[in-house]
Amino acid sequence: DLFDRLDARGIERHFVTLHVGAGTFLPVKADDTTEHKMHSE
């Protein structure tokens, strides 16, 4: 239903793919952001 509302409003939909990894749940243990290493996805 929300997609129908968006279509009627003239708002486009496009898709990309990013496979979200378990690293998204890992806490930041460093005291400074420069010391944190992100996991790849």
PDB file of all heavy atoms in Angstrom:
ATOM      1  N   ASP A   1       0.824  -1.203   0.000  1.00  0.00           N
ATOM      2  CA  ASP A   1       0.000   0.000   0.000  1.00  0.00           C
ATOM      3  C   ASP A   1       0.863   1.260   0.000  1.00  0.00           C
ATOM      4  O   ASP A   1       0.563   2.232  -0.712  1.00  0.00           O
ATOM      5  CB  ASP A   1      -0.923   0.006   1.224  1.00  0.00           C
ATOM      6  CG  ASP A   1      -1.775   1.267   1.294  1.00  0.00           C
ATOM      7  OD1 ASP A   1      -2.618   1.458   0.398  1.00  0.00           O
ATOM      8  OD2 ASP A   1      -1.579   2.058   2.230  1.00  0.00           O
ATOM      9  N   LEU A   2       1.946   1.259   0.771  1.00  0.00           N
ATOM     10  CA  LEU A   2       2.838   2.415   0.788  1.00  0.00           C
ATOM     11  C   LEU A   2       3.522   2.577  -0.565  1.00  0.00           C
ATOM     12  O   LEU A   2       3.689   3.709  -1.057  1.00  0.00           O
ATOM     13  CB  LEU A   2       3.873   2.278   1.908  1.00  0.00           C
ATOM     14  CG  LEU A   2       4.868   3.437   2.056  1.00  0.00           C
ATOM     15  CD1 LEU A   2       4.147   4.778   2.170  1.00  0.00           C
ATOM     16  CD2 LEU A   2       5.785   3.216   3.253  1.00  0.00           C
ATOM     17  N   PHE A   3       3.911   1.486  -1.193  1.00  0.00           N
ATOM     18  CA  PHE A   3       4.473   1.573  -2.539  1.00  0.00           C
ATOM     19  C   PHE A   3       3.475   2.211  -3.507  1.00  0.00           C
ATOM     20  O   PHE A   3       3.846   3.033  -4.353  1.00  0.00           O
ATOM     21  CB  PHE A   3       4.882   0.188  -3.037  1.00  0.00           C
ATOM     22  CG  PHE A   3       6.252  -0.251  -2.594  1.00  0.00           C
ATOM     23  CD1 PHE A   3       6.674  -1.551  -2.823  1.00  0.00           C
ATOM     24  CD2 PHE A   3       7.121   0.613  -1.971  1.00  0.00           C
ATOM     25  CE1 PHE A   3       7.939  -1.971  -2.438  1.00  0.00           C
ATOM     26  CE2 PHE A   3       8.390   0.213  -1.573  1.00  0.00           C
ATOM     27  CZ  PHE A   3       8.800  -1.082  -1.809  1.00  0.00           C
ATOM     28  N   ASP A   4       2.214   1.849  -3.399  1.00  0.00           N
ATOM     29  CA  ASP A   4       1.185   2.440  -4.258  1.00  0.00           C
ATOM     30  C   ASP A   4       1.091   3.948  -4.018  1.00  0.00           C
ATOM     31  O   ASP A   4       0.935   4.732  -4.979  1.00  0.00           O
ATOM     32  CB  ASP A   4      -0.173   1.793  -3.990  1.00  0.00           C
ATOM     33  CG  ASP A   4      -0.260   0.358  -4.510  1.00  0.00           C
ATOM     34  OD1 ASP A   4       0.581  -0.033  -5.348  1.00  0.00           O
ATOM     35  OD2 ASP A   4      -1.173  -0.363  -4.061  1.00  0.00           O
ATOM     36  N   ARG A   5       1.156   4.375  -2.777  1.00  0.00           N
ATOM     37  CA  ARG A   5       1.100   5.793  -2.454  1.00  0.00           C
ATOM     38  C   ARG A   5       2.288   6.547  -3.063  1.00  0.00           C
ATOM     39  O   ARG A   5       2.145   7.660  -3.595  1.00  0.00           O
ATOM     40  CB  ARG A   5       1.094   6.002  -0.935  1.00  0.00           C
ATOM     41  CG  ARG A   5      -0.183   5.565  -0.213  1.00  0.00           C
ATOM     42  CD  ARG A   5       0.029   5.559   1.295  1.00  0.00           C
ATOM     43  NE  ARG A   5      -1.165   5.178   2.013  1.00  0.00           N
ATOM     44  CZ  ARG A   5      -2.022   6.021   2.565  1.00  0.00           C
ATOM     45  NH1 ARG A   5      -1.816   7.329   2.467  1.00  0.00           N
ATOM     46  NH2 ARG A   5      -3.089   5.581   3.206  1.00  0.00           N
ATOM     47  N   LEU A   6       3.460   5.942  -2.972  1.00  0.00           N
ATOM     48  CA  LEU A   6       4.675   6.562  -3.520  1.00  0.00           C
ATOM     49  C   LEU A   6       4.597   6.647  -5.040  1.00  0.00           C
ATOM     50  O   LEU A   6       4.981   7.658  -5.640  1.00  0.00           O
ATOM     51  CB  LEU A   6       5.906   5.772  -3.074  1.00  0.00           C
ATOM     52  CG  LEU A   6       6.213   5.833  -1.576  1.00  0.00           C
ATOM     53  CD1 LEU A   6       7.164   4.719  -1.176  1.00  0.00           C
ATOM     54  CD2 LEU A   6       6.794   7.197  -1.200  1.00  0.00           C
ATOM     55  N   ASP A   7       4.101   5.590  -5.673  1.00  0.00           N
ATOM     56  CA  ASP A   7       3.944   5.594  -7.130  1.00  0.00           C
ATOM     57  C   ASP A   7       2.993   6.715  -7.565  1.00  0.00           C
ATOM     58  O   ASP A   7       3.260   7.442  -8.532  1.00  0.00           O
ATOM     59  CB  ASP A   7       3.406   4.253  -7.615  1.00  0.00           C
ATOM     60  CG  ASP A   7       4.415   3.116  -7.473  1.00  0.00           C
ATOM     61  OD1 ASP A   7       5.618   3.410  -7.293  1.00  0.00           O
ATOM     62  OD2 ASP A   7       3.998   1.946  -7.534  1.00  0.00           O
ATOM     63  N   ALA A   8       1.881   6.840  -6.858  1.00  0.00           N
ATOM     64  CA  ALA A   8       0.895   7.860  -7.207  1.00  0.00           C
ATOM     65  C   ALA A   8       1.457   9.270  -7.039  1.00  0.00           C
ATOM     66  O   ALA A   8       1.046  10.209  -7.747  1.00  0.00           O
ATOM     67  CB  ALA A   8      -0.353   7.688  -6.342  1.00  0.00           C
ATOM     68  N   ARG A   9       2.418   9.430  -6.146  1.00  0.00           N
ATOM     69  CA  ARG A   9       3.046  10.725  -5.890  1.00  0.00           C
ATOM     70  C   ARG A   9       4.143  11.038  -6.909  1.00  0.00           C
ATOM     71  O   ARG A   9       4.635  12.154  -6.977  1.00  0.00           O
ATOM     72  CB  ARG A   9       3.614  10.702  -4.472  1.00  0.00           C
ATOM     73  CG  ARG A   9       4.338  11.941  -4.010  1.00  0.00           C
ATOM     74  CD  ARG A   9       3.416  13.084  -3.699  1.00  0.00           C
ATOM     75  NE  ARG A   9       4.121  14.117  -2.954  1.00  0.00           N
ATOM     76  CZ  ARG A   9       3.778  15.390  -2.951  1.00  0.00           C
ATOM     77  NH1 ARG A   9       2.727  15.804  -3.630  1.00  0.00           N
ATOM     78  NH2 ARG A   9       4.466  16.265  -2.248  1.00  0.00           N
ATOM     79  N   GLY A  10       4.529  10.057  -7.732  1.00  0.00           N
ATOM     80  CA  GLY A  10       5.582  10.270  -8.718  1.00  0.00           C
ATOM     81  C   GLY A  10       6.981  10.135  -8.154  1.00  0.00           C
ATOM     82  O   GLY A  10       7.922  10.797  -8.613  1.00  0.00           O
ATOM     83  N   ILE A  11       7.123   9.262  -7.162  1.00  0.00           N
ATOM     84  CA  ILE A  11       8.430   9.031  -6.525  1.00  0.00           C
ATOM     85  C   ILE A  11       8.979   7.694  -7.017  1.00  0.00           C
ATOM     86  O   ILE A  11       8.310   6.666  -6.929  1.00  0.00           O
ATOM     87  CB  ILE A  11       8.286   9.045  -4.984  1.00  0.00           C
ATOM     88  CG1 ILE A  11       7.822  10.434  -4.537  1.00  0.00           C
ATOM     89  CG2 ILE A  11       9.601   8.671  -4.306  1.00  0.00           C
ATOM     90  CD1 ILE A  11       7.311  10.487  -3.121  1.00  0.00           C
ATOM     91  N   GLU A  12      10.186   7.729  -7.541  1.00  0.00           N
ATOM     92  CA  GLU A  12      10.787   6.542  -8.139  1.00  0.00           C
ATOM     93  C   GLU A  12      11.305   5.577  -7.074  1.00  0.00           C
ATOM     94  O   GLU A  12      11.579   5.958  -5.939  1.00  0.00           O
ATOM     95  CB  GLU A  12      11.953   6.936  -9.061  1.00  0.00           C
ATOM     96  CG  GLU A  12      11.542   7.767 -10.259  1.00  0.00           C
ATOM     97  CD  GLU A  12      12.747   8.100 -11.136  1.00  0.00           C
ATOM     98  OE1 GLU A  12      13.852   7.591 -10.870  1.00  0.00           O
ATOM     99  OE2 GLU A  12      12.562   8.888 -12.088  1.00  0.00           O
ATOM    100  N   ARG A  13      11.471   4.314  -7.496  1.00  0.00           N
ATOM    101  CA  ARG A  13      12.103   3.296  -6.651  1.00  0.00           C
ATOM    102  C   ARG A  13      13.261   2.670  -7.422  1.00  0.00           C
ATOM    103  O   ARG A  13      13.107   2.267  -8.574  1.00  0.00           O
ATOM    104  CB  ARG A  13      11.118   2.196  -6.263  1.00  0.00           C
ATOM    105  CG  ARG A  13       9.992   2.642  -5.395  1.00  0.00           C
ATOM    106  CD  ARG A  13       9.345   1.460  -4.668  1.00  0.00           C
ATOM    107  NE  ARG A  13       8.794   0.447  -5.549  1.00  0.00           N
ATOM    108  CZ  ARG A  13       7.569   0.494  -6.061  1.00  0.00           C
ATOM    109  NH1 ARG A  13       6.787   1.528  -5.817  1.00  0.00           N
ATOM    110  NH2 ARG A  13       7.128  -0.482  -6.825  1.00  0.00           N
ATOM    111  N   HIS A  14      14.421   2.586  -6.755  1.00  0.00           N
ATOM    112  CA  HIS A  14      15.589   1.934  -7.339  1.00  0.00           C
ATOM    113  C   HIS A  14      16.217   1.031  -6.277  1.00  0.00           C
ATOM    114  O   HIS A  14      16.018   1.241  -5.071  1.00  0.00           O
ATOM    115  CB  HIS A  14      16.605   2.967  -7.838  1.00  0.00           C
ATOM    116  CG  HIS A  14      16.048   3.866  -8.899  1.00  0.00           C
ATOM    117  ND1 HIS A  14      15.874   3.454 -10.197  1.00  0.00           N
ATOM    118  CD2 HIS A  14      15.599   5.148  -8.832  1.00  0.00           C
ATOM    119  CE1 HIS A  14      15.357   4.448 -10.907  1.00  0.00           C
ATOM    120  NE2 HIS A  14      15.168   5.486 -10.104  1.00  0.00           N
ATOM    121  N   PHE A  15      16.991   0.036  -6.748  1.00  0.00           N
ATOM    122  CA  PHE A  15      17.515  -0.974  -5.838  1.00  0.00           C
ATOM    123  C   PHE A  15      19.021  -1.149  -6.007  1.00  0.00           C
ATOM    124  O   PHE A  15      19.540  -1.149  -7.125  1.00  0.00           O
ATOM    125  CB  PHE A  15      16.806  -2.317  -6.070  1.00  0.00           C
ATOM    126  CG  PHE A  15      15.330  -2.272  -5.776  1.00  0.00           C
ATOM    127  CD1 PHE A  15      14.418  -1.917  -6.765  1.00  0.00           C
ATOM    128  CD2 PHE A  15      14.858  -2.536  -4.509  1.00  0.00           C
ATOM    129  CE1 PHE A  15      13.062  -1.844  -6.501  1.00  0.00           C
ATOM    130  CE2 PHE A  15      13.492  -2.463  -4.223  1.00  0.00           C
ATOM    131  CZ  PHE A  15      12.605  -2.125  -5.225  1.00  0.00           C
ATOM    132  N   VAL A  16      19.692  -1.273  -4.881  1.00  0.00           N
ATOM    133  CA  VAL A  16      21.102  -1.657  -4.825  1.00  0.00           C
ATOM    134  C   VAL A  16      21.182  -2.865  -3.894  1.00  0.00           C
ATOM    135  O   VAL A  16      20.198  -3.225  -3.243  1.00  0.00           O
ATOM    136  CB  VAL A  16      21.984  -0.503  -4.308  1.00  0.00           C
ATOM    137  CG1 VAL A  16      21.943   0.683  -5.275  1.00  0.00           C
ATOM    138  CG2 VAL A  16      21.542  -0.053  -2.910  1.00  0.00           C
ATOM    139  N   THR A  17      22.347  -3.474  -3.818  1.00  0.00           N
ATOM    140  CA  THR A  17      22.516  -4.647  -2.950  1.00  0.00           C
ATOM    141  C   THR A  17      23.749  -4.475  -2.074  1.00  0.00           C
ATOM    142  O   THR A  17      24.851  -4.271  -2.585  1.00  0.00           O
ATOM    143  CB  THR A  17      22.670  -5.939  -3.777  1.00  0.00           C
ATOM    144  OG1 THR A  17      21.558  -6.085  -4.658  1.00  0.00           O
ATOM    145  CG2 THR A  17      22.755  -7.155  -2.858  1.00  0.00           C
ATOM    146  N   LEU A  18      23.560  -4.519  -0.774  1.00  0.00           N
ATOM    147  CA  LEU A  18      24.673  -4.595   0.175  1.00  0.00           C
ATOM    148  C   LEU A  18      24.342  -5.700   1.168  1.00  0.00           C
ATOM    149  O   LEU A  18      23.334  -5.619   1.884  1.00  0.00           O
ATOM    150  CB  LEU A  18      24.887  -3.274   0.923  1.00  0.00           C
ATOM    151  CG  LEU A  18      26.076  -3.304   1.891  1.00  0.00           C
ATOM    152  CD1 LEU A  18      27.394  -3.257   1.125  1.00  0.00           C
ATOM    153  CD2 LEU A  18      26.018  -2.156   2.888  1.00  0.00           C
ATOM    154  N   HIS A  19      25.165  -6.738   1.182  1.00  0.00           N
ATOM    155  CA  HIS A  19      24.919  -7.857   2.091  1.00  0.00           C
ATOM    156  C   HIS A  19      25.419  -7.488   3.490  1.00  0.00           C
ATOM    157  O   HIS A  19      26.617  -7.479   3.748  1.00  0.00           O
ATOM    158  CB  HIS A  19      25.611  -9.119   1.574  1.00  0.00           C
ATOM    159  CG  HIS A  19      25.023  -9.631   0.291  1.00  0.00           C
ATOM    160  ND1 HIS A  19      23.670  -9.760   0.099  1.00  0.00           N
ATOM    161  CD2 HIS A  19      25.609 -10.037  -0.867  1.00  0.00           C
ATOM    162  CE1 HIS A  19      23.433 -10.228  -1.112  1.00  0.00           C
ATOM    163  NE2 HIS A  19      24.588 -10.391  -1.717  1.00  0.00           N
ATOM    164  N   VAL A  20      24.468  -7.176   4.357  1.00  0.00           N
ATOM    165  CA  VAL A  20      24.792  -6.695   5.700  1.00  0.00           C
ATOM    166  C   VAL A  20      25.428  -7.823   6.500  1.00  0.00           C
ATOM    167  O   VAL A  20      24.886  -8.930   6.575  1.00  0.00           O
ATOM    168  CB  VAL A  20      23.527  -6.192   6.417  1.00  0.00           C
ATOM    169  CG1 VAL A  20      23.900  -5.464   7.701  1.00  0.00           C
ATOM    170  CG2 VAL A  20      22.714  -5.283   5.498  1.00  0.00           C
ATOM    171  N   GLY A  21      26.577  -7.550   7.123  1.00  0.00           N
ATOM    172  CA  GLY A  21      27.294  -8.556   7.887  1.00  0.00           C
ATOM    173  C   GLY A  21      27.052  -8.440   9.372  1.00  0.00           C
ATOM    174  O   GLY A  21      26.472  -7.466   9.866  1.00  0.00           O
ATOM    175  N   ALA A  22      27.515  -9.446  10.101  1.00  0.00           N
ATOM    176  CA  ALA A  22      27.344  -9.452  11.558  1.00  0.00           C
ATOM    177  C   ALA A  22      28.133  -8.343  12.227  1.00  0.00           C
ATOM    178  O   ALA A  22      27.857  -7.989  13.379  1.00  0.00           O
ATOM    179  CB  ALA A  22      27.776 -10.810  12.120  1.00  0.00           C
ATOM    180  N   GLY A  23      29.108  -7.770  11.529  1.00  0.00           N
ATOM    181  CA  GLY A  23      29.885  -6.675  12.090  1.00  0.00           C
ATOM    182  C   GLY A  23      29.049  -5.455  12.421  1.00  0.00           C
ATOM    183  O   GLY A  23      29.455  -4.618  13.219  1.00  0.00           O
ATOM    184  N   THR A  24      27.843  -5.360  11.823  1.00  0.00           N
ATOM    185  CA  THR A  24      26.972  -4.226  12.112  1.00  0.00           C
ATOM    186  C   THR A  24      26.557  -4.197  13.581  1.00  0.00           C
ATOM    187  O   THR A  24      26.181  -3.147  14.103  1.00  0.00           O
ATOM    188  CB  THR A  24      25.725  -4.273  11.194  1.00  0.00           C
ATOM    189  OG1 THR A  24      25.014  -3.039  11.307  1.00  0.00           O
ATOM    190  CG2 THR A  24      24.781  -5.410  11.581  1.00  0.00           C
ATOM    191  N   PHE A  25      26.602  -5.354  14.263  1.00  0.00           N
ATOM    192  CA  PHE A  25      26.194  -5.420  15.666  1.00  0.00           C
ATOM    193  C   PHE A  25      27.366  -5.247  16.633  1.00  0.00           C
ATOM    194  O   PHE A  25      27.155  -5.179  17.844  1.00  0.00           O
ATOM    195  CB  PHE A  25      25.525  -6.767  15.969  1.00  0.00           C
ATOM    196  CG  PHE A  25      24.282  -7.018  15.163  1.00  0.00           C
ATOM    197  CD1 PHE A  25      24.126  -8.205  14.486  1.00  0.00           C
ATOM    198  CD2 PHE A  25      23.289  -6.064  15.080  1.00  0.00           C
ATOM    199  CE1 PHE A  25      22.990  -8.454  13.743  1.00  0.00           C
ATOM    200  CE2 PHE A  25      22.147  -6.292  14.342  1.00  0.00           C
ATOM    201  CZ  PHE A  25      21.989  -7.492  13.665  1.00  0.00           C
ATOM    202  N   LEU A  26      28.593  -5.211  16.118  1.00  0.00           N
ATOM    203  CA  LEU A  26      29.746  -5.154  17.010  1.00  0.00           C
ATOM    204  C   LEU A  26      29.860  -3.780  17.667  1.00  0.00           C
ATOM    205  O   LEU A  26      29.728  -2.752  17.001  1.00  0.00           O
ATOM    206  CB  LEU A  26      31.033  -5.464  16.239  1.00  0.00           C
ATOM    207  CG  LEU A  26      31.171  -6.886  15.695  1.00  0.00           C
ATOM    208  CD1 LEU A  26      32.509  -7.043  14.975  1.00  0.00           C
ATOM    209  CD2 LEU A  26      31.046  -7.910  16.808  1.00  0.00           C
ATOM    210  N   PRO A  27      30.119  -3.729  18.956  1.00  0.00           N
ATOM    211  CA  PRO A  27      30.270  -2.447  19.629  1.00  0.00           C
ATOM    212  C   PRO A  27      31.590  -1.781  19.251  1.00  0.00           C
ATOM    213  O   PRO A  27      32.535  -2.444  18.817  1.00  0.00           O
ATOM    214  CB  PRO A  27      30.267  -2.838  21.118  1.00  0.00           C
ATOM    215  CG  PRO A  27      30.817  -4.238  21.133  1.00  0.00           C
ATOM    216  CD  PRO A  27      30.297  -4.879  19.873  1.00  0.00           C
ATOM    217  N   VAL A  28      31.623  -0.467  19.387  1.00  0.00           N
ATOM    218  CA  VAL A  28      32.866   0.275  19.186  1.00  0.00           C
ATOM    219  C   VAL A  28      33.610   0.263  20.512  1.00  0.00           C
ATOM    220  O   VAL A  28      33.199   0.895  21.476  1.00  0.00           O
ATOM    221  CB  VAL A  28      32.577   1.719  18.723  1.00  0.00           C
ATOM    222  CG1 VAL A  28      33.887   2.493  18.573  1.00  0.00           C
ATOM    223  CG2 VAL A  28      31.808   1.705  17.407  1.00  0.00           C
ATOM    224  N   LYS A  29      34.709  -0.470  20.550  1.00  0.00           N
ATOM    225  CA  LYS A  29      35.456  -0.624  21.800  1.00  0.00           C
ATOM    226  C   LYS A  29      36.553   0.427  21.966  1.00  0.00           C
ATOM    227  O   LYS A  29      37.076   0.613  23.057  1.00  0.00           O
ATOM    228  CB  LYS A  29      36.070  -2.020  21.862  1.00  0.00           C
ATOM    229  CG  LYS A  29      35.025  -3.142  21.896  1.00  0.00           C
ATOM    230  CD  LYS A  29      35.680  -4.510  21.975  1.00  0.00           C
ATOM    231  CE  LYS A  29      34.626  -5.618  22.038  1.00  0.00           C
ATOM    232  NZ  LYS A  29      35.242  -6.968  22.087  1.00  0.00           N
ATOM    233  N   ALA A  30      36.902   1.109  20.888  1.00  0.00           N
ATOM    234  CA  ALA A  30      37.948   2.120  20.943  1.00  0.00           C
ATOM    235  C   ALA A  30      37.440   3.373  21.650  1.00  0.00           C
ATOM    236  O   ALA A  30      36.231   3.614  21.757  1.00  0.00           O
ATOM    237  CB  ALA A  30      38.418   2.460  19.531  1.00  0.00           C
ATOM    238  N   ASP A  31      38.365   4.175  22.149  1.00  0.00           N
ATOM    239  CA  ASP A  31      38.002   5.440  22.791  1.00  0.00           C
ATOM    240  C   ASP A  31      37.887   6.569  21.775  1.00  0.00           C
ATOM    241  O   ASP A  31      37.258   7.585  22.050  1.00  0.00           O
ATOM    242  CB  ASP A  31      39.046   5.818  23.846  1.00  0.00           C
ATOM    243  CG  ASP A  31      39.046   4.853  25.020  1.00  0.00           C
ATOM    244  OD1 ASP A  31      37.952   4.346  25.369  1.00  0.00           O
ATOM    245  OD2 ASP A  31      40.127   4.591  25.574  1.00  0.00           O
ATOM    246  N   ASP A  32      38.508   6.378  20.606  1.00  0.00           N
ATOM    247  CA  ASP A  32      38.498   7.398  19.565  1.00  0.00           C
ATOM    248  C   ASP A  32      38.079   6.754  18.254  1.00  0.00           C
ATOM    249  O   ASP A  32      38.456   5.609  17.971  1.00  0.00           O
ATOM    250  CB  ASP A  32      39.880   8.046  19.420  1.00  0.00           C
ATOM    251  CG  ASP A  32      39.824   9.310  18.589  1.00  0.00           C
ATOM    252  OD1 ASP A  32      39.873   9.192  17.340  1.00  0.00           O
ATOM    253  OD2 ASP A  32      39.759  10.409  19.153  1.00  0.00           O
ATOM    254  N   THR A  33      37.305   7.472  17.453  1.00  0.00           N
ATOM    255  CA  THR A  33      36.801   6.889  16.204  1.00  0.00           C
ATOM    256  C   THR A  33      37.928   6.505  15.249  1.00  0.00           C
ATOM    257  O   THR A  33      37.770   5.586  14.446  1.00  0.00           O
ATOM    258  CB  THR A  33      35.853   7.873  15.497  1.00  0.00           C
ATOM    259  OG1 THR A  33      36.544   9.108  15.254  1.00  0.00           O
ATOM    260  CG2 THR A  33      34.624   8.139  16.353  1.00  0.00           C
ATOM    261  N   THR A  34      39.072   7.184  15.333  1.00  0.00           N
ATOM    262  CA  THR A  34      40.176   6.870  14.430  1.00  0.00           C
ATOM    263  C   THR A  34      40.773   5.490  14.700  1.00  0.00           C
ATOM    264  O   THR A  34      41.476   4.936  13.856  1.00  0.00           O
ATOM    265  CB  THR A  34      41.292   7.925  14.541  1.00  0.00           C
ATOM    266  OG1 THR A  34      41.756   7.975  15.897  1.00  0.00           O
ATOM    267  CG2 THR A  34      40.776   9.296  14.123  1.00  0.00           C
ATOM    268  N   GLU A  35      40.470   4.922  15.862  1.00  0.00           N
ATOM    269  CA  GLU A  35      41.043   3.625  16.238  1.00  0.00           C
ATOM    270  C   GLU A  35      40.107   2.462  15.927  1.00  0.00           C
ATOM    271  O   GLU A  35      40.471   1.302  16.130  1.00  0.00           O
ATOM    272  CB  GLU A  35      41.365   3.635  17.748  1.00  0.00           C
ATOM    273  CG  GLU A  35      42.375   4.708  18.146  1.00  0.00           C
ATOM    274  CD  GLU A  35      42.461   4.869  19.652  1.00  0.00           C
ATOM    275  OE1 GLU A  35      41.664   4.198  20.367  1.00  0.00           O
ATOM    276  OE2 GLU A  35      43.287   5.668  20.110  1.00  0.00           O
ATOM    277  N   HIS A  36      38.902   2.758  15.430  1.00  0.00           N
ATOM    278  CA  HIS A  36      37.934   1.697  15.147  1.00  0.00           C
ATOM    279  C   HIS A  36      38.093   1.197  13.723  1.00  0.00           C
ATOM    280  O   HIS A  36      38.193   1.987  12.784  1.00  0.00           O
ATOM    281  CB  HIS A  36      36.507   2.203  15.358  1.00  0.00           C
ATOM    282  CG  HIS A  36      35.457   1.175  15.033  1.00  0.00           C
ATOM    283  ND1 HIS A  36      35.246   0.059  15.816  1.00  0.00           N
ATOM    284  CD2 HIS A  36      34.577   1.083  14.003  1.00  0.00           C
ATOM    285  CE1 HIS A  36      34.271  -0.662  15.296  1.00  0.00           C
ATOM    286  NE2 HIS A  36      33.852  -0.063  14.189  1.00  0.00           N
ATOM    287  N   LYS A  37      38.074  -0.120  13.553  1.00  0.00           N
ATOM    288  CA  LYS A  37      38.165  -0.724  12.225  1.00  0.00           C
ATOM    289  C   LYS A  37      36.814  -1.315  11.845  1.00  0.00           C
ATOM    290  O   LYS A  37      36.272  -2.164  12.543  1.00  0.00           O
ATOM    291  CB  LYS A  37      39.235  -1.828  12.189  1.00  0.00           C
ATOM    292  CG  LYS A  37      39.366  -2.500  10.823  1.00  0.00           C
ATOM    293  CD  LYS A  37      40.505  -3.498  10.804  1.00  0.00           C
ATOM    294  CE  LYS A  37      40.549  -4.264   9.477  1.00  0.00           C
ATOM    295  NZ  LYS A  37      40.639  -3.359   8.303  1.00  0.00           N
ATOM    296  N   MET A  38      36.271  -0.853  10.713  1.00  0.00           N
ATOM    297  CA  MET A  38      34.990  -1.358  10.224  1.00  0.00           C
ATOM    298  C   MET A  38      35.190  -2.696   9.515  1.00  0.00           C
ATOM    299  O   MET A  38      36.209  -2.918   8.854  1.00  0.00           O
ATOM    300  CB  MET A  38      34.359  -0.374   9.239  1.00  0.00           C
ATOM    301  CG  MET A  38      33.867   0.903   9.867  1.00  0.00           C
ATOM    302  SD  MET A  38      32.293   0.706  10.747  1.00  0.00           S
ATOM    303  CE  MET A  38      31.144   0.571   9.375  1.00  0.00           C
ATOM    304  N   HIS A  39      34.216  -3.587   9.636  1.00  0.00           N
ATOM    305  CA  HIS A  39      34.228  -4.821   8.873  1.00  0.00           C
ATOM    306  C   HIS A  39      33.696  -4.557   7.466  1.00  0.00           C
ATOM    307  O   HIS A  39      32.809  -3.726   7.263  1.00  0.00           O
ATOM    308  CB  HIS A  39      33.369  -5.896   9.554  1.00  0.00           C
ATOM    309  CG  HIS A  39      34.043  -6.535  10.725  1.00  0.00           C
ATOM    310  ND1 HIS A  39      34.092  -5.928  11.967  1.00  0.00           N
ATOM    311  CD2 HIS A  39      34.707  -7.700  10.846  1.00  0.00           C
ATOM    312  CE1 HIS A  39      34.753  -6.721  12.806  1.00  0.00           C
ATOM    313  NE2 HIS A  39      35.123  -7.790  12.151  1.00  0.00           N
ATOM    314  N   SER A  40      34.250  -5.265   6.505  1.00  0.00           N
ATOM    315  CA  SER A  40      33.825  -5.099   5.114  1.00  0.00           C
ATOM    316  C   SER A  40      32.501  -5.815   4.859  1.00  0.00           C
ATOM    317  O   SER A  40      32.193  -6.832   5.486  1.00  0.00           O
ATOM    318  CB  SER A  40      34.889  -5.656   4.162  1.00  0.00           C
ATOM    319  OG  SER A  40      36.068  -4.890   4.209  1.00  0.00           O
ATOM    320  N   GLU A  41      31.750  -5.264   3.920  1.00  0.00           N
ATOM    321  CA  GLU A  41      30.509  -5.877   3.452  1.00  0.00           C
ATOM    322  C   GLU A  41      30.494  -5.789   1.926  1.00  0.00           C
ATOM    323  O   GLU A  41      30.982  -4.816   1.345  1.00  0.00           O
ATOM    324  CB  GLU A  41      29.295  -5.169   4.049  1.00  0.00           C
ATOM    325  CG  GLU A  41      29.215  -5.308   5.569  1.00  0.00           C
ATOM    326  CD  GLU A  41      28.185  -4.392   6.206  1.00  0.00           C
ATOM    327  OE1 GLU A  41      28.136  -3.219   5.812  1.00  0.00           O
ATOM    328  OE2 GLU A  41      27.459  -4.848   7.102  1.00  0.00           O
TER     329      GLU A  41
END
